[in-house]
N, C-alpha and C. Protein backbone atom coordinates (compact mmCIF):
# COMPACT_ATOMS: atom_id res chain seq x y z
N UNK A 1 -34.95 21.71 85.33
CA UNK A 1 -35.74 21.29 84.56
C UNK A 1 -37.23 20.80 84.89
N UNK A 2 -38.19 21.83 84.80
CA UNK A 2 -39.71 20.41 85.39
C UNK A 2 -40.01 20.04 83.97
N UNK A 3 -40.30 19.01 84.02
CA UNK A 3 -41.10 18.15 82.81
C UNK A 3 -42.38 17.64 83.40
N UNK A 4 -43.50 17.44 82.18
CA UNK A 4 -44.77 16.56 82.80
C UNK A 4 -44.59 15.30 82.47
N UNK A 5 -44.55 14.51 83.68
CA UNK A 5 -44.75 13.33 84.03
C UNK A 5 -46.12 12.80 83.94
N UNK A 6 -46.06 11.77 83.86
CA UNK A 6 -47.51 10.74 84.35
C UNK A 6 -47.58 10.52 85.60
N UNK A 7 -48.98 10.16 85.82
CA UNK A 7 -48.84 9.73 87.19
C UNK A 7 -48.42 8.38 87.68
N UNK A 8 -48.02 7.66 86.99
CA UNK A 8 -47.27 6.39 87.21
C UNK A 8 -45.54 6.65 87.27
N UNK A 9 -45.07 7.91 87.17
CA UNK A 9 -43.92 8.36 87.34
C UNK A 9 -43.62 8.09 88.92
N UNK A 10 -44.46 8.93 89.46
CA UNK A 10 -44.15 9.12 90.94
C UNK A 10 -45.60 9.31 91.79
N UNK A 11 -45.45 7.81 92.47
CA UNK A 11 -46.57 7.27 93.24
C UNK A 11 -46.04 7.15 94.60
N UNK A 12 -46.29 8.54 95.09
CA UNK A 12 -46.26 8.65 96.29
C UNK A 12 -46.97 9.48 97.51
N UNK A 13 -47.74 8.78 98.82
CA UNK A 13 -48.46 9.38 99.33
C UNK A 13 -48.23 10.46 100.35
N UNK A 14 -48.77 11.81 100.51
CA UNK A 14 -48.69 12.52 101.90
C UNK A 14 -49.05 12.26 103.40
N UNK A 15 -47.92 11.65 104.27
CA UNK A 15 -48.85 11.53 105.50
C UNK A 15 -49.14 12.74 106.51
N UNK A 16 -49.92 12.39 107.46
CA UNK A 16 -50.44 13.58 108.10
C UNK A 16 -49.05 14.35 108.21
N UNK A 17 -47.85 14.14 108.61
CA UNK A 17 -46.80 15.06 109.28
C UNK A 17 -46.14 15.86 108.08
N UNK A 18 -46.83 15.35 107.01
CA UNK A 18 -45.96 15.83 105.96
C UNK A 18 -44.89 15.18 104.76
N UNK A 19 -44.78 14.34 105.57
CA UNK A 19 -43.33 13.45 105.16
C UNK A 19 -44.41 12.90 103.68
N UNK A 20 -43.26 12.48 102.56
CA UNK A 20 -43.96 11.84 101.56
C UNK A 20 -43.71 10.09 101.77
N UNK A 21 -44.94 9.14 101.14
CA UNK A 21 -44.02 7.87 101.50
C UNK A 21 -44.51 7.03 100.16
N UNK A 22 -43.32 6.65 99.51
CA UNK A 22 -43.54 6.14 97.93
C UNK A 22 -43.32 4.56 98.68
N UNK A 23 -44.10 3.34 97.85
CA UNK A 23 -44.06 2.37 97.93
C UNK A 23 -42.67 1.72 97.37
N UNK A 24 -42.32 2.00 95.76
CA UNK A 24 -41.19 1.89 95.35
C UNK A 24 -40.22 1.92 95.96
N UNK A 25 -40.00 3.32 96.90
CA UNK A 25 -38.63 3.30 97.83
C UNK A 25 -38.82 2.82 99.20
N UNK A 26 -39.78 2.23 99.50
CA UNK A 26 -39.70 1.08 100.58
C UNK A 26 -39.48 -0.05 100.08
N UNK A 27 -39.98 -0.60 99.26
CA UNK A 27 -39.34 -1.95 98.07
C UNK A 27 -38.06 -1.91 97.92
N UNK A 28 -37.46 -0.85 97.44
CA UNK A 28 -36.05 -1.57 96.66
C UNK A 28 -35.19 -0.79 97.94
N UNK A 29 -35.45 0.09 99.08
CA UNK A 29 -34.16 0.49 99.93
C UNK A 29 -33.55 -0.51 100.83
N UNK A 30 -34.11 -1.86 100.75
CA UNK A 30 -33.08 -3.09 101.59
C UNK A 30 -32.42 -3.54 100.06
N UNK A 31 -32.49 -3.61 98.83
CA UNK A 31 -31.97 -4.36 97.96
C UNK A 31 -30.65 -3.44 97.73
N UNK A 32 -31.01 -2.09 97.58
CA UNK A 32 -30.11 -0.95 97.12
C UNK A 32 -28.84 -0.96 98.51
N UNK A 33 -29.53 -0.96 99.71
CA UNK A 33 -29.01 -0.85 100.83
C UNK A 33 -27.42 -1.99 100.85
N UNK A 34 -27.95 -3.44 100.41
CA UNK A 34 -27.43 -4.41 100.12
C UNK A 34 -26.15 -3.99 99.23
N UNK A 35 -26.77 -3.48 98.29
CA UNK A 35 -25.73 -3.32 97.25
C UNK A 35 -24.18 -2.13 97.79
N UNK A 36 -24.79 -1.24 98.44
CA UNK A 36 -24.14 -0.09 99.08
C UNK A 36 -23.22 -0.72 99.85
N UNK A 37 -23.56 -1.75 100.78
CA UNK A 37 -22.59 -2.24 101.87
C UNK A 37 -21.50 -3.26 101.00
N UNK A 38 -21.86 -3.78 99.80
CA UNK A 38 -20.74 -4.34 99.03
C UNK A 38 -19.84 -3.52 98.36
N UNK A 39 -20.27 -2.05 97.98
CA UNK A 39 -19.30 -1.32 96.77
C UNK A 39 -18.85 -0.17 97.38
N UNK A 40 -19.60 0.40 98.85
CA UNK A 40 -19.16 1.73 98.98
C UNK A 40 -17.89 2.37 99.20
N UNK A 41 -17.12 2.93 99.04
CA UNK A 41 -16.19 3.49 99.83
C UNK A 41 -16.25 2.97 101.61
N UNK A 42 -15.45 2.69 102.22
CA UNK A 42 -14.85 2.47 103.73
C UNK A 42 -15.49 3.61 104.86
N UNK A 43 -15.26 4.69 103.89
CA UNK A 43 -15.48 6.43 104.56
C UNK A 43 -15.41 7.50 103.87
N UNK A 44 -15.65 8.38 104.12
CA UNK A 44 -15.58 9.27 103.68
C UNK A 44 -16.90 10.19 103.44
N UNK A 45 -17.54 10.82 101.99
CA UNK A 45 -18.67 11.97 102.15
C UNK A 45 -19.28 11.05 100.83
N UNK A 46 -20.43 11.06 100.64
CA UNK A 46 -21.76 10.34 100.15
C UNK A 46 -22.95 11.46 99.72
N UNK A 47 -22.96 11.66 98.30
CA UNK A 47 -24.02 12.45 98.16
C UNK A 47 -25.17 11.75 97.10
N UNK A 48 -26.56 11.90 97.63
CA UNK A 48 -27.54 11.16 97.01
C UNK A 48 -27.91 11.99 96.25
N UNK A 49 -28.61 12.17 94.83
CA UNK A 49 -28.82 13.28 93.95
C UNK A 49 -30.33 12.59 93.90
N UNK A 50 -31.09 13.92 93.78
CA UNK A 50 -32.76 13.58 93.52
C UNK A 50 -33.46 12.41 94.45
N UNK A 51 -33.39 12.75 95.68
CA UNK A 51 -33.35 11.84 97.23
C UNK A 51 -35.13 11.98 96.88
N UNK A 52 -35.66 12.64 96.42
CA UNK A 52 -37.30 12.12 96.54
C UNK A 52 -37.94 12.70 97.64
N UNK A 53 -38.42 11.10 98.20
CA UNK A 53 -39.54 11.16 99.53
C UNK A 53 -38.31 11.37 100.85
N UNK A 54 -36.91 10.75 100.55
CA UNK A 54 -36.20 10.85 102.10
C UNK A 54 -36.08 9.62 102.61
N UNK A 55 -36.84 8.29 101.88
CA UNK A 55 -36.53 7.32 102.54
C UNK A 55 -35.47 6.40 102.45
N UNK A 56 -34.85 6.63 101.04
CA UNK A 56 -33.61 6.38 100.85
C UNK A 56 -32.35 6.86 101.73
N UNK A 57 -32.45 7.96 101.46
CA UNK A 57 -31.08 7.90 102.49
C UNK A 57 -31.12 7.98 103.94
N UNK A 58 -32.16 7.45 104.72
CA UNK A 58 -31.96 7.35 106.08
C UNK A 58 -31.46 5.84 105.96
N UNK A 59 -32.08 4.87 104.91
CA UNK A 59 -31.74 3.61 104.70
C UNK A 59 -30.04 3.66 104.32
N UNK A 60 -29.41 4.16 103.41
CA UNK A 60 -28.25 4.31 102.89
C UNK A 60 -27.06 4.57 104.61
N UNK A 61 -27.91 5.92 105.22
CA UNK A 61 -26.40 6.06 106.22
C UNK A 61 -27.20 5.48 107.12
N UNK A 62 -27.87 4.51 107.56
CA UNK A 62 -28.06 3.19 108.55
C UNK A 62 -26.82 1.96 107.55
N UNK A 63 -27.27 1.70 106.65
CA UNK A 63 -26.15 1.06 106.14
C UNK A 63 -24.74 1.04 105.67
N UNK A 64 -24.16 2.32 105.67
CA UNK A 64 -23.30 2.90 105.36
C UNK A 64 -22.69 3.92 106.52
N UNK A 65 -22.49 3.32 108.06
CA UNK A 65 -22.38 4.24 108.88
C UNK A 65 -21.25 4.94 109.01
N UNK A 66 -20.22 4.83 108.22
CA UNK A 66 -18.56 5.42 108.55
C UNK A 66 -18.67 6.49 106.97
N UNK A 67 -20.03 6.74 106.20
CA UNK A 67 -19.96 7.37 105.33
C UNK A 67 -21.15 8.92 106.13
N UNK A 68 -20.61 9.95 105.49
CA UNK A 68 -21.30 11.58 105.92
C UNK A 68 -22.45 11.21 104.43
N UNK A 69 -23.46 11.25 104.89
CA UNK A 69 -24.21 11.06 103.32
C UNK A 69 -25.38 12.67 103.34
N UNK A 70 -25.16 13.18 102.44
CA UNK A 70 -26.01 14.61 102.04
C UNK A 70 -26.56 14.03 101.11
N UNK A 71 -28.19 14.24 101.38
CA UNK A 71 -29.30 13.84 100.44
C UNK A 71 -29.56 15.39 99.99
N UNK A 72 -30.40 15.01 98.53
CA UNK A 72 -30.32 16.74 97.97
C UNK A 72 -31.48 16.25 96.70
N UNK A 73 -32.18 17.37 96.74
CA UNK A 73 -33.36 17.61 95.55
C UNK A 73 -33.74 18.74 95.30
N UNK A 74 -34.57 18.81 94.14
CA UNK A 74 -34.73 20.15 93.68
C UNK A 74 -36.45 20.75 94.23
N UNK A 75 -37.14 19.69 94.40
CA UNK A 75 -38.42 20.16 94.72
C UNK A 75 -38.70 20.77 96.17
N UNK A 76 -39.36 21.23 96.54
CA UNK A 76 -39.82 22.22 97.86
C UNK A 76 -40.56 21.16 98.75
N UNK A 77 -41.47 20.55 97.98
CA UNK A 77 -42.22 19.16 98.94
C UNK A 77 -41.09 18.42 99.28
N UNK A 78 -40.45 17.64 98.37
CA UNK A 78 -39.46 16.44 98.58
C UNK A 78 -38.58 16.74 99.73
N UNK A 79 -37.81 18.24 99.32
CA UNK A 79 -36.86 18.58 100.40
C UNK A 79 -37.61 18.72 101.67
N UNK A 80 -38.83 18.91 102.04
CA UNK A 80 -39.49 18.91 103.25
C UNK A 80 -39.63 17.56 103.78
N UNK A 81 -39.60 16.52 102.95
CA UNK A 81 -40.57 15.36 103.16
C UNK A 81 -38.77 14.90 103.69
N UNK A 82 -37.74 15.08 103.02
CA UNK A 82 -36.47 14.51 103.19
C UNK A 82 -36.15 15.31 104.55
N UNK A 83 -36.49 16.33 105.20
CA UNK A 83 -35.78 16.85 105.97
C UNK A 83 -36.85 16.04 107.48
N UNK A 84 -38.00 15.92 107.20
CA UNK A 84 -38.49 15.16 108.75
C UNK A 84 -38.22 13.72 108.40
N UNK A 85 -37.99 12.96 107.41
CA UNK A 85 -36.92 11.78 108.10
C UNK A 85 -35.53 12.11 108.52
N UNK A 86 -34.98 13.06 108.09
CA UNK A 86 -33.68 13.09 108.53
C UNK A 86 -33.88 13.57 109.68
N UNK A 87 -34.81 14.65 110.44
CA UNK A 87 -34.73 14.92 111.87
C UNK A 87 -35.17 13.47 112.96
N UNK A 88 -36.36 12.91 112.05
CA UNK A 88 -36.88 11.89 113.04
C UNK A 88 -35.54 10.85 113.20
N UNK A 89 -34.92 11.05 112.32
CA UNK A 89 -33.64 9.44 112.12
C UNK A 89 -32.65 9.98 113.10
N UNK A 90 -32.13 10.99 113.72
CA UNK A 90 -31.19 11.96 114.25
C UNK A 90 -29.93 10.44 114.16
N UNK A 91 -29.36 10.56 113.16
CA UNK A 91 -28.16 9.90 112.56
C UNK A 91 -26.98 11.11 112.31
N UNK A 92 -26.03 10.79 113.23
CA UNK A 92 -24.99 11.82 113.21
C UNK A 92 -24.30 11.29 111.41
N UNK A 93 -24.63 10.54 110.95
CA UNK A 93 -23.87 10.71 109.67
C UNK A 93 -24.83 10.76 108.58
N UNK A 94 -25.97 11.66 108.88
CA UNK A 94 -26.80 11.92 108.01
C UNK A 94 -26.93 13.86 108.26
N UNK A 95 -26.99 14.29 107.00
CA UNK A 95 -27.21 15.84 106.67
C UNK A 95 -28.79 16.20 106.72
N UNK A 96 -29.11 17.44 106.91
CA UNK A 96 -30.47 17.92 106.53
C UNK A 96 -30.15 17.88 104.92
N UNK A 97 -31.38 18.11 104.29
CA UNK A 97 -31.29 18.16 102.72
C UNK A 97 -30.38 19.43 102.00
N UNK A 98 -29.76 19.32 101.03
CA UNK A 98 -29.64 20.33 100.25
C UNK A 98 -30.32 20.77 98.75
N UNK A 99 -30.65 21.93 98.46
CA UNK A 99 -31.05 22.06 97.37
C UNK A 99 -30.40 22.09 96.07
N UNK A 100 -30.58 20.95 95.24
CA UNK A 100 -29.43 21.00 93.67
C UNK A 100 -30.30 20.37 92.97
N UNK A 101 -29.93 21.08 91.52
CA UNK A 101 -30.87 20.38 90.36
C UNK A 101 -29.40 19.65 89.67
N UNK A 102 -29.72 18.61 89.84
CA UNK A 102 -28.50 17.21 89.50
C UNK A 102 -28.60 17.54 87.65
N UNK A 103 -29.36 18.15 87.20
CA UNK A 103 -29.54 18.12 85.57
C UNK A 103 -28.90 19.41 84.93
N UNK A 104 -28.23 19.86 86.17
CA UNK A 104 -27.82 21.54 85.55
C UNK A 104 -26.33 21.77 85.81
N UNK A 105 -25.30 21.74 84.59
CA UNK A 105 -24.23 21.59 84.27
C UNK A 105 -23.66 22.64 85.58
N UNK A 106 -22.48 22.37 86.27
CA UNK A 106 -21.75 23.18 87.23
C UNK A 106 -22.23 22.72 89.03
N UNK A 107 -22.98 21.73 88.72
CA UNK A 107 -23.27 22.24 90.31
C UNK A 107 -21.74 20.95 90.99
N UNK A 108 -20.94 19.89 90.06
CA UNK A 108 -20.07 19.53 90.80
C UNK A 108 -19.06 20.97 91.16
N UNK A 109 -19.30 21.97 90.84
CA UNK A 109 -17.88 22.90 91.90
C UNK A 109 -18.59 22.98 93.12
N UNK A 110 -19.86 22.68 93.76
CA UNK A 110 -20.21 23.14 94.82
C UNK A 110 -20.30 21.95 95.71
N UNK A 111 -20.28 21.04 95.51
CA UNK A 111 -20.23 19.86 96.47
C UNK A 111 -18.97 19.70 96.84
N UNK A 112 -17.40 19.85 96.49
CA UNK A 112 -16.43 19.63 97.39
C UNK A 112 -16.46 17.63 96.72
N UNK A 113 -15.29 17.44 96.82
CA UNK A 113 -14.58 15.71 96.72
C UNK A 113 -15.54 14.92 96.95
N UNK A 114 -16.40 14.04 96.58
CA UNK A 114 -17.31 13.14 96.96
C UNK A 114 -16.51 11.64 96.73
N UNK A 115 -16.66 10.77 97.69
CA UNK A 115 -16.30 9.49 97.80
C UNK A 115 -17.30 8.31 97.03
N UNK A 116 -18.86 8.72 97.20
CA UNK A 116 -19.42 8.22 96.44
C UNK A 116 -20.69 8.92 96.35
N UNK A 117 -21.37 8.53 94.99
CA UNK A 117 -22.26 9.82 94.60
C UNK A 117 -23.29 8.51 94.09
N UNK A 118 -24.93 8.81 94.67
CA UNK A 118 -25.97 7.78 94.33
C UNK A 118 -26.74 8.15 93.52
N UNK A 119 -27.34 7.58 92.98
CA UNK A 119 -28.83 7.97 91.95
C UNK A 119 -29.77 7.22 91.66
N UNK A 120 -30.55 7.28 92.27
CA UNK A 120 -32.01 6.18 92.47
C UNK A 120 -33.18 6.31 91.19
N UNK A 121 -33.49 6.01 90.23
CA UNK A 121 -34.83 6.03 89.35
C UNK A 121 -34.86 7.54 89.29
N UNK A 122 -33.88 8.15 88.38
CA UNK A 122 -34.30 9.08 87.82
C UNK A 122 -33.88 9.49 86.06
N UNK A 123 -32.74 8.46 85.65
CA UNK A 123 -32.29 8.53 84.40
C UNK A 123 -34.10 8.45 83.37
N UNK A 124 -34.80 7.95 83.79
CA UNK A 124 -35.96 7.61 82.84
C UNK A 124 -36.52 8.79 82.84
N UNK A 125 -36.47 9.98 83.88
CA UNK A 125 -37.35 11.10 83.84
C UNK A 125 -37.17 12.10 83.13
N UNK A 126 -35.65 12.11 82.72
CA UNK A 126 -35.27 13.18 82.21
C UNK A 126 -34.63 12.51 80.94
N UNK A 127 -34.16 13.98 80.30
CA UNK A 127 -33.72 13.88 78.82
C UNK A 127 -32.40 13.10 78.62
N UNK A 128 -31.93 12.75 76.79
CA UNK A 128 -30.78 11.99 77.11
C UNK A 128 -29.53 13.19 77.30
N UNK A 129 -30.39 14.43 76.81
CA UNK A 129 -28.80 15.85 77.58
C UNK A 129 -28.85 16.01 78.96
N UNK A 130 -29.56 16.13 79.78
CA UNK A 130 -29.75 16.12 80.81
C UNK A 130 -28.74 14.83 81.48
N UNK A 131 -29.63 13.37 80.92
CA UNK A 131 -28.88 12.37 81.79
C UNK A 131 -27.21 12.54 81.65
N UNK A 132 -26.82 12.77 80.31
CA UNK A 132 -25.37 12.96 80.22
C UNK A 132 -24.97 14.02 81.28
N UNK A 133 -25.64 15.37 80.89
CA UNK A 133 -24.80 16.24 82.01
C UNK A 133 -25.09 15.63 83.51
N UNK A 134 -25.65 15.09 84.08
CA UNK A 134 -25.81 14.65 85.34
C UNK A 134 -24.41 13.34 85.59
N UNK A 135 -24.05 12.90 84.73
CA UNK A 135 -23.37 11.84 84.57
C UNK A 135 -22.00 12.09 84.41
N UNK A 136 -21.78 13.31 83.87
CA UNK A 136 -20.46 14.16 83.73
C UNK A 136 -20.21 15.26 84.57
N UNK A 137 -21.30 15.91 85.70
CA UNK A 137 -20.98 16.46 86.68
C UNK A 137 -20.82 15.26 88.17
N UNK A 138 -21.43 13.90 88.14
CA UNK A 138 -20.60 13.22 89.01
C UNK A 138 -19.24 12.65 88.50
N UNK A 139 -19.01 12.69 87.73
CA UNK A 139 -17.52 12.31 87.27
C UNK A 139 -16.61 13.35 87.69
N UNK A 140 -17.15 15.04 87.69
CA UNK A 140 -16.26 15.74 88.19
C UNK A 140 -16.17 15.70 89.43
N UNK A 141 -17.48 15.53 90.42
CA UNK A 141 -17.32 15.73 91.64
C UNK A 141 -16.71 14.50 92.64
N UNK A 142 -16.72 13.59 91.83
CA UNK A 142 -15.99 12.42 92.50
C UNK A 142 -14.40 12.75 92.74
N UNK A 143 -14.00 12.14 93.87
CA UNK A 143 -12.54 12.02 94.21
C UNK A 143 -12.10 11.04 93.18
N UNK A 144 -10.77 10.95 93.27
CA UNK A 144 -10.11 9.62 92.94
C UNK A 144 -10.34 8.39 93.51
N UNK A 145 -11.09 7.41 93.13
CA UNK A 145 -11.26 5.96 93.83
C UNK A 145 -12.42 5.98 93.92
N UNK A 146 -13.44 7.20 93.68
CA UNK A 146 -14.93 7.57 94.18
C UNK A 146 -15.79 6.20 93.43
N UNK A 147 -16.83 6.29 94.05
CA UNK A 147 -17.90 5.22 93.60
C UNK A 147 -19.51 6.06 93.08
N UNK A 148 -19.78 5.56 92.17
CA UNK A 148 -20.79 6.28 91.62
C UNK A 148 -21.92 4.82 91.71
N UNK A 149 -23.19 5.17 91.79
CA UNK A 149 -23.96 3.78 92.11
C UNK A 149 -25.42 4.53 91.27
N UNK A 150 -25.80 4.11 90.17
CA UNK A 150 -26.74 4.35 89.12
C UNK A 150 -27.50 3.37 89.34
N UNK A 151 -29.12 3.52 89.57
CA UNK A 151 -29.99 2.57 89.88
C UNK A 151 -31.03 2.82 89.01
N UNK A 152 -31.81 2.13 88.54
CA UNK A 152 -33.24 2.22 88.00
C UNK A 152 -33.35 1.15 86.62
N UNK A 153 -34.64 1.83 85.78
CA UNK A 153 -35.11 0.78 84.38
C UNK A 153 -34.25 1.20 83.69
N UNK A 154 -33.88 0.64 82.90
CA UNK A 154 -33.11 0.20 81.19
C UNK A 154 -33.53 -0.47 80.18
N UNK A 155 -33.67 0.25 79.12
CA UNK A 155 -33.28 -0.75 77.91
C UNK A 155 -31.82 -1.52 77.88
N UNK A 156 -32.17 -2.45 77.50
CA UNK A 156 -31.22 -3.54 77.28
C UNK A 156 -30.98 -3.81 76.37
N UNK A 157 -29.58 -3.17 75.34
CA UNK A 157 -29.36 -3.02 74.37
C UNK A 157 -30.17 -2.69 73.42
N UNK A 158 -31.17 -2.41 73.90
CA UNK A 158 -32.03 -1.46 72.63
C UNK A 158 -33.24 -1.84 72.72
N UNK A 159 -33.52 -2.91 73.61
CA UNK A 159 -34.62 -3.56 73.51
C UNK A 159 -35.09 -3.08 75.44
N UNK A 160 -36.61 -3.34 74.98
CA UNK A 160 -37.35 -3.25 76.12
C UNK A 160 -37.93 -4.66 77.04
N UNK A 161 -37.08 -5.52 77.85
CA UNK A 161 -37.59 -6.73 78.13
C UNK A 161 -38.84 -7.35 78.69
N UNK A 162 -39.39 -6.69 79.66
CA UNK A 162 -40.95 -7.04 79.63
C UNK A 162 -42.13 -5.87 79.61
N UNK A 163 -43.31 -6.50 79.79
CA UNK A 163 -44.48 -5.76 79.11
C UNK A 163 -44.45 -4.66 80.06
N UNK A 164 -44.71 -4.84 81.22
CA UNK A 164 -44.54 -3.80 81.98
C UNK A 164 -43.57 -2.56 81.58
N UNK A 165 -42.26 -2.99 81.40
CA UNK A 165 -41.52 -1.91 80.75
C UNK A 165 -41.94 -1.26 79.90
N UNK A 166 -42.32 -1.90 78.81
CA UNK A 166 -42.83 -1.33 77.42
C UNK A 166 -43.81 -0.65 77.79
N UNK A 167 -45.15 -0.77 78.84
CA UNK A 167 -46.20 0.03 78.86
C UNK A 167 -45.56 1.50 80.02
N UNK A 168 -44.59 1.06 80.50
CA UNK A 168 -44.08 2.64 81.71
C UNK A 168 -43.11 3.19 80.13
N UNK A 169 -42.13 2.76 79.61
CA UNK A 169 -42.21 3.59 78.76
C UNK A 169 -42.87 4.40 77.66
N UNK A 170 -43.73 3.97 77.16
CA UNK A 170 -44.67 4.29 76.53
C UNK A 170 -45.24 5.55 77.20
N UNK A 171 -45.72 5.38 78.35
CA UNK A 171 -46.17 6.52 79.47
C UNK A 171 -45.76 7.35 79.27
N UNK A 172 -44.41 7.10 79.37
CA UNK A 172 -43.58 8.28 79.61
C UNK A 172 -43.16 9.25 78.78
N UNK A 173 -43.24 8.49 77.23
CA UNK A 173 -42.92 9.37 76.12
C UNK A 173 -43.91 9.86 75.93
N UNK A 174 -45.27 9.56 76.20
CA UNK A 174 -46.75 10.35 76.12
C UNK A 174 -46.56 11.68 76.25
N UNK A 175 -45.70 11.62 77.26
CA UNK A 175 -46.26 12.99 78.61
C UNK A 175 -44.95 13.56 78.23
N UNK A 176 -44.08 12.93 77.09
CA UNK A 176 -43.02 13.96 77.27
C UNK A 176 -41.94 13.31 76.27
N UNK A 177 -41.94 13.64 74.74
CA UNK A 177 -40.82 12.69 74.11
C UNK A 177 -39.37 12.56 74.46
N UNK A 178 -39.33 13.54 75.28
CA UNK A 178 -37.86 13.82 75.55
C UNK A 178 -37.42 12.44 76.37
N UNK A 179 -37.61 12.18 77.02
CA UNK A 179 -37.91 11.22 78.28
C UNK A 179 -38.03 10.12 77.86
N UNK A 180 -38.34 9.38 78.95
CA UNK A 180 -38.07 7.63 78.33
C UNK A 180 -37.05 6.98 78.90
N UNK A 181 -37.03 5.27 78.98
CA UNK A 181 -35.87 4.84 79.17
C UNK A 181 -34.81 5.11 78.62
N UNK A 182 -33.43 4.83 79.06
CA UNK A 182 -32.11 5.07 78.39
C UNK A 182 -31.55 3.46 78.31
N UNK A 183 -30.88 3.64 77.57
CA UNK A 183 -30.18 2.37 77.06
C UNK A 183 -29.13 2.03 77.69
N UNK A 184 -28.70 0.76 77.99
CA UNK A 184 -27.62 0.56 79.01
C UNK A 184 -26.55 0.55 78.57
N UNK A 185 -26.27 0.25 77.32
CA UNK A 185 -25.37 0.20 76.71
C UNK A 185 -24.54 1.85 76.55
N UNK A 186 -25.65 2.59 76.53
CA UNK A 186 -25.69 4.20 75.68
C UNK A 186 -24.98 4.61 77.44
N UNK A 187 -25.56 4.44 78.32
CA UNK A 187 -25.66 5.35 79.84
C UNK A 187 -23.79 4.72 79.86
N UNK A 188 -23.50 3.18 79.72
CA UNK A 188 -22.34 2.80 80.07
C UNK A 188 -21.27 4.05 79.30
N UNK A 189 -21.83 4.03 78.13
CA UNK A 189 -20.65 4.62 77.21
C UNK A 189 -20.13 6.21 77.77
N UNK A 190 -21.80 6.90 78.07
CA UNK A 190 -21.68 8.39 78.37
C UNK A 190 -20.42 8.48 79.93
N UNK A 191 -20.40 7.29 80.85
CA UNK A 191 -19.92 7.49 82.13
C UNK A 191 -18.59 7.17 81.64
N UNK A 192 -18.27 6.16 80.64
CA UNK A 192 -17.20 6.40 80.31
C UNK A 192 -16.18 7.19 79.58
N UNK A 193 -17.24 7.93 78.86
CA UNK A 193 -16.71 9.13 78.09
C UNK A 193 -16.20 10.15 79.35
N UNK A 194 -16.85 10.04 80.43
CA UNK A 194 -17.00 11.07 81.27
C UNK A 194 -15.54 10.89 82.39
N UNK A 195 -14.67 9.76 81.80
CA UNK A 195 -13.57 9.43 82.69
C UNK A 195 -13.76 8.09 83.79
N UNK A 196 -14.91 7.60 84.12
CA UNK A 196 -15.19 6.71 84.84
C UNK A 196 -14.98 5.07 84.55
N UNK A 197 -14.74 4.30 85.18
CA UNK A 197 -14.69 2.83 84.74
C UNK A 197 -15.71 2.22 85.39
N UNK A 198 -16.24 1.02 84.46
CA UNK A 198 -16.99 0.15 84.72
C UNK A 198 -16.90 -0.91 86.26
N UNK A 199 -17.53 -0.81 87.03
CA UNK A 199 -16.84 -1.87 88.35
C UNK A 199 -17.92 -2.97 88.22
N UNK A 200 -19.42 -2.75 88.03
CA UNK A 200 -20.20 -3.76 88.32
C UNK A 200 -21.18 -3.40 87.26
N UNK A 201 -21.87 -4.34 87.30
CA UNK A 201 -23.59 -4.33 86.64
C UNK A 201 -24.20 -5.63 87.36
N UNK A 202 -25.09 -5.16 88.04
CA UNK A 202 -26.09 -6.05 89.22
C UNK A 202 -27.36 -6.18 88.66
N UNK A 203 -27.87 -7.06 88.86
CA UNK A 203 -29.45 -7.27 88.10
C UNK A 203 -29.95 -7.00 89.37
N UNK A 204 -31.48 -6.29 89.45
CA UNK A 204 -32.04 -5.99 90.49
C UNK A 204 -33.14 -6.44 90.50
N UNK A 205 -34.10 -6.73 91.85
CA UNK A 205 -35.62 -6.74 91.31
C UNK A 205 -36.39 -6.11 90.87
N UNK A 206 -37.61 -6.69 90.67
CA UNK A 206 -38.69 -5.78 89.35
C UNK A 206 -37.79 -5.30 87.76
N UNK A 207 -36.60 -5.77 87.69
CA UNK A 207 -35.82 -5.91 86.07
C UNK A 207 -35.17 -4.64 86.11
N UNK A 208 -34.79 -4.17 87.20
CA UNK A 208 -34.09 -2.94 87.27
C UNK A 208 -32.50 -3.39 87.46
N UNK A 209 -31.44 -2.50 87.39
CA UNK A 209 -30.57 -2.55 86.93
C UNK A 209 -29.35 -1.85 88.02
N UNK A 210 -28.32 -2.17 88.67
CA UNK A 210 -27.79 -0.97 89.29
C UNK A 210 -26.06 -1.01 88.11
N UNK A 211 -25.65 -0.09 88.02
CA UNK A 211 -24.35 0.24 87.38
C UNK A 211 -24.13 0.77 88.44
N UNK A 212 -22.72 -0.05 88.53
CA UNK A 212 -21.55 0.79 89.44
C UNK A 212 -20.01 1.19 89.07
N UNK A 213 -20.01 2.48 88.98
CA UNK A 213 -18.71 2.61 88.37
C UNK A 213 -17.70 3.27 89.41
N UNK A 214 -16.78 3.49 88.96
CA UNK A 214 -15.46 4.09 89.96
C UNK A 214 -14.64 5.03 89.05
N UNK A 215 -14.17 6.17 89.61
CA UNK A 215 -13.23 6.79 88.90
C UNK A 215 -11.65 6.39 89.27
N UNK A 216 -11.03 6.40 88.50
CA UNK A 216 -9.43 5.60 88.93
C UNK A 216 -8.51 6.55 89.64
N UNK A 217 -7.70 5.97 90.23
CA UNK A 217 -6.84 7.00 91.19
C UNK A 217 -5.81 7.83 90.75
């Protein structure tokens, strides 16, 4: 579903070759890659949902070379950008992007069993119902023992914990009252209700969290 987002929700510039470059992706690629080195399965298939510019999937594929990475997105411009990054990187474990709307029920039936799913900076840009659908579909798609890394800004126990988060959250709900920061406790409950276990809750730079879930064996 296409939503009205403020300009602050996606800051990316278009390079001469058509690729998108987002400062936030450049900044968090290294911390997220380190998390993946620590928590990712040793081998198997990894799906990145809402891959955005394509900067992350290249970094992740380099960080976890024994996983085969499949980037996805729904937006045509982002899919084209991802394709440029993938083609330039020429990594044997990174495929061309696949069109996939993570907020639509049923997508898990198309992916085959996954050993790892990664979602970066999407939940605050979609509704609660869509966020729950994403999590339910990830839980269905994961193979037993599979891991889900969910990264982004969250409310903490119902509270926004910085002035920057308050401003950003307000700008989101002004643009669309259905979106905005999700509460960390709610997200954990949704994942547990979908059949996942909490593995790690990791503090990240810029007041973000990495929530790591696992599917029981």
